[in-house]
Amino acid sequence: MSDNKKEQIPPPEIGPYVFPTLLALFGLWFVYDGWFTSDPDMQEHLLFNRVGSVILLPWAIIDFIRTWRNNKAESSETTSDEHDTKDESQP
């Protein structure tokens, strides 16, 4: 039994762009339902879908930019740390 615990694979990590992608998809869905649909049953939900699209799409764009900047900053920190350790090891 203890061997099974040691061999367990950790769950996969969620990518950083999953949340902005979901926000954008829901925002596009709201755009379609609020601005472009001709379904008469959706007319009673028109305002909700329009407000949802106005909220979710900018939120997705802002979150995508923040995630991109954070990833860029983290990657530059790791590369600068690697360069610092190489410089210290050289005489």
N, C-alpha and C. Protein backbone atom coordinates (compact mmCIF):
# COMPACT_ATOMS: atom_id res chain seq x y z
N MET A 1 0.81 -1.20 0.00
CA MET A 1 0.00 0.00 0.00
C MET A 1 0.85 1.26 0.00
N SER A 2 1.96 1.25 0.71
CA SER A 2 2.78 2.44 0.75
C SER A 2 3.42 2.71 -0.60
N ASP A 3 3.61 1.67 -1.41
CA ASP A 3 4.16 1.87 -2.76
C ASP A 3 3.18 2.64 -3.64
N ASN A 4 1.88 2.40 -3.46
CA ASN A 4 0.88 3.11 -4.26
C ASN A 4 0.91 4.60 -3.99
N LYS A 5 1.15 4.98 -2.74
CA LYS A 5 1.18 6.40 -2.41
C LYS A 5 2.39 7.08 -3.01
N LYS A 6 3.51 6.38 -3.07
CA LYS A 6 4.72 6.96 -3.63
C LYS A 6 4.63 7.10 -5.15
N GLU A 7 3.87 6.24 -5.80
CA GLU A 7 3.79 6.24 -7.24
C GLU A 7 2.68 7.14 -7.79
N GLN A 8 1.93 7.77 -6.93
CA GLN A 8 0.85 8.62 -7.40
C GLN A 8 1.40 9.83 -8.14
N ILE A 9 0.80 10.10 -9.26
CA ILE A 9 1.20 11.24 -10.08
C ILE A 9 0.40 12.46 -9.60
N PRO A 10 1.07 13.59 -9.42
CA PRO A 10 0.32 14.78 -8.99
C PRO A 10 -0.63 15.23 -10.10
N PRO A 11 -1.72 15.87 -9.74
CA PRO A 11 -2.65 16.34 -10.76
C PRO A 11 -2.00 17.42 -11.63
N PRO A 12 -2.43 17.52 -12.87
CA PRO A 12 -1.82 18.53 -13.74
C PRO A 12 -2.16 19.94 -13.27
N GLU A 13 -1.23 20.85 -13.50
CA GLU A 13 -1.46 22.23 -13.13
C GLU A 13 -2.33 22.90 -14.18
N ILE A 14 -3.14 23.83 -13.74
CA ILE A 14 -3.98 24.59 -14.66
C ILE A 14 -3.15 25.72 -15.24
N GLY A 15 -3.23 25.89 -16.52
CA GLY A 15 -2.48 26.95 -17.19
C GLY A 15 -2.96 28.33 -16.76
N PRO A 16 -2.09 29.31 -16.84
CA PRO A 16 -2.46 30.65 -16.37
C PRO A 16 -3.49 31.35 -17.26
N TYR A 17 -3.65 30.89 -18.49
CA TYR A 17 -4.57 31.56 -19.41
C TYR A 17 -5.94 30.91 -19.47
N VAL A 18 -6.23 29.95 -18.59
CA VAL A 18 -7.53 29.29 -18.61
C VAL A 18 -8.64 30.26 -18.22
N PHE A 19 -8.44 31.00 -17.15
CA PHE A 19 -9.48 31.92 -16.68
C PHE A 19 -9.78 33.03 -17.68
N PRO A 20 -8.76 33.71 -18.24
CA PRO A 20 -9.09 34.74 -19.25
C PRO A 20 -9.77 34.16 -20.48
N THR A 21 -9.40 32.93 -20.84
CA THR A 21 -10.04 32.29 -22.00
C THR A 21 -11.50 32.01 -21.71
N LEU A 22 -11.80 31.50 -20.53
CA LEU A 22 -13.20 31.24 -20.16
C LEU A 22 -14.00 32.54 -20.11
N LEU A 23 -13.42 33.59 -19.55
CA LEU A 23 -14.11 34.88 -19.52
C LEU A 23 -14.41 35.37 -20.93
N ALA A 24 -13.44 35.23 -21.83
CA ALA A 24 -13.65 35.68 -23.20
C ALA A 24 -14.73 34.86 -23.90
N LEU A 25 -14.73 33.56 -23.68
CA LEU A 25 -15.75 32.71 -24.31
C LEU A 25 -17.15 33.05 -23.81
N PHE A 26 -17.28 33.22 -22.49
CA PHE A 26 -18.59 33.62 -21.96
C PHE A 26 -18.98 35.01 -22.45
N GLY A 27 -18.01 35.91 -22.54
CA GLY A 27 -18.29 37.25 -23.05
C GLY A 27 -18.77 37.22 -24.49
N LEU A 28 -18.14 36.38 -25.32
CA LEU A 28 -18.58 36.25 -26.71
C LEU A 28 -19.97 35.64 -26.81
N TRP A 29 -20.23 34.71 -25.91
CA TRP A 29 -21.58 34.12 -25.86
C TRP A 29 -22.61 35.20 -25.53
N PHE A 30 -22.30 36.03 -24.55
CA PHE A 30 -23.19 37.13 -24.19
C PHE A 30 -23.35 38.13 -25.33
N VAL A 31 -22.26 38.40 -26.06
CA VAL A 31 -22.34 39.31 -27.21
C VAL A 31 -23.30 38.76 -28.23
N TYR A 32 -23.17 37.49 -28.54
CA TYR A 32 -24.07 36.90 -29.54
C TYR A 32 -25.52 36.95 -29.08
N ASP A 33 -25.77 36.52 -27.83
CA ASP A 33 -27.15 36.50 -27.33
C ASP A 33 -27.73 37.90 -27.13
N GLY A 34 -26.88 38.87 -26.83
CA GLY A 34 -27.38 40.22 -26.54
C GLY A 34 -27.47 41.14 -27.73
N TRP A 35 -26.62 40.93 -28.74
CA TRP A 35 -26.56 41.88 -29.83
C TRP A 35 -26.92 41.30 -31.20
N PHE A 36 -26.69 40.01 -31.42
CA PHE A 36 -26.84 39.47 -32.76
C PHE A 36 -27.94 38.43 -32.93
N THR A 37 -28.50 37.91 -31.87
CA THR A 37 -29.50 36.86 -32.00
C THR A 37 -30.84 37.42 -32.47
N SER A 38 -31.55 36.61 -33.21
CA SER A 38 -32.90 37.00 -33.65
C SER A 38 -33.96 36.07 -33.05
N ASP A 39 -33.55 35.30 -32.05
CA ASP A 39 -34.47 34.38 -31.39
C ASP A 39 -35.46 35.18 -30.54
N PRO A 40 -36.76 35.05 -30.79
CA PRO A 40 -37.74 35.84 -30.02
C PRO A 40 -37.79 35.46 -28.53
N ASP A 41 -37.39 34.23 -28.19
CA ASP A 41 -37.39 33.84 -26.78
C ASP A 41 -36.29 34.54 -25.99
N MET A 42 -35.25 34.97 -26.66
CA MET A 42 -34.13 35.62 -25.98
C MET A 42 -34.35 37.12 -25.77
N GLN A 43 -35.42 37.67 -26.29
CA GLN A 43 -35.65 39.12 -26.17
C GLN A 43 -35.86 39.56 -24.73
N GLU A 44 -36.38 38.67 -23.90
CA GLU A 44 -36.58 39.05 -22.50
C GLU A 44 -35.27 39.06 -21.71
N HIS A 45 -34.22 38.43 -22.25
CA HIS A 45 -32.90 38.39 -21.59
C HIS A 45 -31.90 39.32 -22.27
N LEU A 46 -32.38 40.18 -23.12
CA LEU A 46 -31.51 41.02 -23.93
C LEU A 46 -30.63 41.93 -23.09
N LEU A 47 -31.19 42.61 -22.13
CA LEU A 47 -30.43 43.54 -21.29
C LEU A 47 -29.37 42.80 -20.47
N PHE A 48 -29.75 41.66 -19.91
CA PHE A 48 -28.80 40.86 -19.12
C PHE A 48 -27.59 40.47 -19.97
N ASN A 49 -27.84 40.01 -21.20
CA ASN A 49 -26.75 39.58 -22.06
C ASN A 49 -25.88 40.74 -22.51
N ARG A 50 -26.48 41.88 -22.76
CA ARG A 50 -25.70 43.05 -23.15
C ARG A 50 -24.81 43.54 -22.01
N VAL A 51 -25.36 43.59 -20.81
CA VAL A 51 -24.56 44.01 -19.66
C VAL A 51 -23.45 42.99 -19.39
N GLY A 52 -23.78 41.71 -19.50
CA GLY A 52 -22.78 40.66 -19.30
C GLY A 52 -21.64 40.77 -20.30
N SER A 53 -21.96 41.07 -21.54
CA SER A 53 -20.90 41.20 -22.54
C SER A 53 -20.01 42.41 -22.27
N VAL A 54 -20.61 43.50 -21.81
CA VAL A 54 -19.84 44.71 -21.52
C VAL A 54 -18.93 44.50 -20.31
N ILE A 55 -19.32 43.62 -19.41
CA ILE A 55 -18.50 43.35 -18.23
C ILE A 55 -17.43 42.30 -18.52
N LEU A 56 -17.81 41.19 -19.15
CA LEU A 56 -16.89 40.05 -19.28
C LEU A 56 -15.78 40.26 -20.30
N LEU A 57 -16.07 40.88 -21.42
CA LEU A 57 -15.02 41.04 -22.43
C LEU A 57 -13.89 41.97 -21.97
N PRO A 58 -14.16 43.14 -21.41
CA PRO A 58 -13.03 43.94 -20.90
C PRO A 58 -12.30 43.24 -19.75
N TRP A 59 -13.05 42.54 -18.91
CA TRP A 59 -12.42 41.79 -17.82
C TRP A 59 -11.47 40.74 -18.37
N ALA A 60 -11.87 40.04 -19.43
CA ALA A 60 -11.02 39.03 -20.04
C ALA A 60 -9.76 39.66 -20.63
N ILE A 61 -9.91 40.81 -21.27
CA ILE A 61 -8.76 41.48 -21.86
C ILE A 61 -7.79 41.95 -20.78
N ILE A 62 -8.32 42.55 -19.72
CA ILE A 62 -7.48 43.03 -18.62
C ILE A 62 -6.77 41.86 -17.95
N ASP A 63 -7.49 40.77 -17.70
CA ASP A 63 -6.89 39.62 -17.04
C ASP A 63 -5.84 38.96 -17.93
N PHE A 64 -6.07 38.92 -19.24
CA PHE A 64 -5.08 38.37 -20.16
C PHE A 64 -3.80 39.20 -20.13
N ILE A 65 -3.94 40.52 -20.14
CA ILE A 65 -2.77 41.40 -20.12
C ILE A 65 -2.01 41.25 -18.81
N ARG A 66 -2.72 41.19 -17.69
CA ARG A 66 -2.06 41.02 -16.39
C ARG A 66 -1.32 39.69 -16.32
N THR A 67 -1.95 38.64 -16.81
CA THR A 67 -1.31 37.32 -16.79
C THR A 67 -0.08 37.31 -17.69
N TRP A 68 -0.18 37.92 -18.85
CA TRP A 68 0.95 37.99 -19.77
C TRP A 68 2.11 38.75 -19.15
N ARG A 69 1.80 39.88 -18.51
CA ARG A 69 2.86 40.67 -17.87
C ARG A 69 3.50 39.91 -16.72
N ASN A 70 2.69 39.23 -15.90
CA ASN A 70 3.25 38.45 -14.79
C ASN A 70 4.15 37.33 -15.29
N ASN A 71 3.72 36.63 -16.33
CA ASN A 71 4.55 35.57 -16.89
C ASN A 71 5.84 36.13 -17.46
N LYS A 72 5.75 37.26 -18.12
CA LYS A 72 6.93 37.90 -18.70
C LYS A 72 7.90 38.33 -17.60
N ALA A 73 7.37 38.88 -16.51
CA ALA A 73 8.22 39.31 -15.40
C ALA A 73 8.87 38.11 -14.72
N GLU A 74 8.11 37.04 -14.53
CA GLU A 74 8.67 35.84 -13.91
C GLU A 74 9.75 35.21 -14.78
N SER A 75 9.54 35.19 -16.08
CA SER A 75 10.54 34.60 -16.96
C SER A 75 11.80 35.46 -17.01
N SER A 76 11.65 36.78 -16.94
CA SER A 76 12.83 37.64 -16.93
C SER A 76 13.59 37.51 -15.61
N GLU A 77 12.87 37.28 -14.52
CA GLU A 77 13.54 37.07 -13.23
C GLU A 77 14.32 35.77 -13.23
N THR A 78 13.75 34.73 -13.79
CA THR A 78 14.45 33.44 -13.80
C THR A 78 15.67 33.51 -14.72
N THR A 79 15.56 34.20 -15.84
CA THR A 79 16.72 34.31 -16.72
C THR A 79 17.79 35.20 -16.11
N SER A 80 17.40 36.25 -15.40
CA SER A 80 18.41 37.10 -14.76
C SER A 80 19.06 36.36 -13.60
N ASP A 81 18.31 35.52 -12.88
CA ASP A 81 18.90 34.71 -11.82
C ASP A 81 19.89 33.71 -12.39
N GLU A 82 19.58 33.13 -13.54
CA GLU A 82 20.51 32.19 -14.17
C GLU A 82 21.77 32.90 -14.60
N HIS A 83 21.65 34.11 -15.13
CA HIS A 83 22.83 34.87 -15.54
C HIS A 83 23.66 35.27 -14.34
N ASP A 84 23.02 35.61 -13.22
CA ASP A 84 23.75 35.99 -12.01
C ASP A 84 24.54 34.82 -11.48
N THR A 85 23.99 33.64 -11.45
CA THR A 85 24.71 32.49 -10.93
C THR A 85 25.86 32.11 -11.86
N LYS A 86 25.69 32.30 -13.17
CA LYS A 86 26.79 32.03 -14.11
C LYS A 86 27.92 33.03 -13.90
N ASP A 87 27.58 34.30 -13.66
CA ASP A 87 28.60 35.32 -13.47
C ASP A 87 29.38 35.09 -12.18
N GLU A 88 28.69 34.65 -11.13
CA GLU A 88 29.34 34.41 -9.85
C GLU A 88 30.26 33.21 -9.91
N SER A 89 29.93 32.23 -10.73
CA SER A 89 30.74 31.02 -10.79
C SER A 89 31.99 31.22 -11.62
N GLN A 90 32.01 32.22 -12.49
CA GLN A 90 33.18 32.48 -13.32
C GLN A 90 34.13 33.40 -12.57
N PRO A 91 35.46 33.12 -12.63
CA PRO A 91 36.44 33.96 -11.91
C PRO A 91 36.67 35.30 -12.54
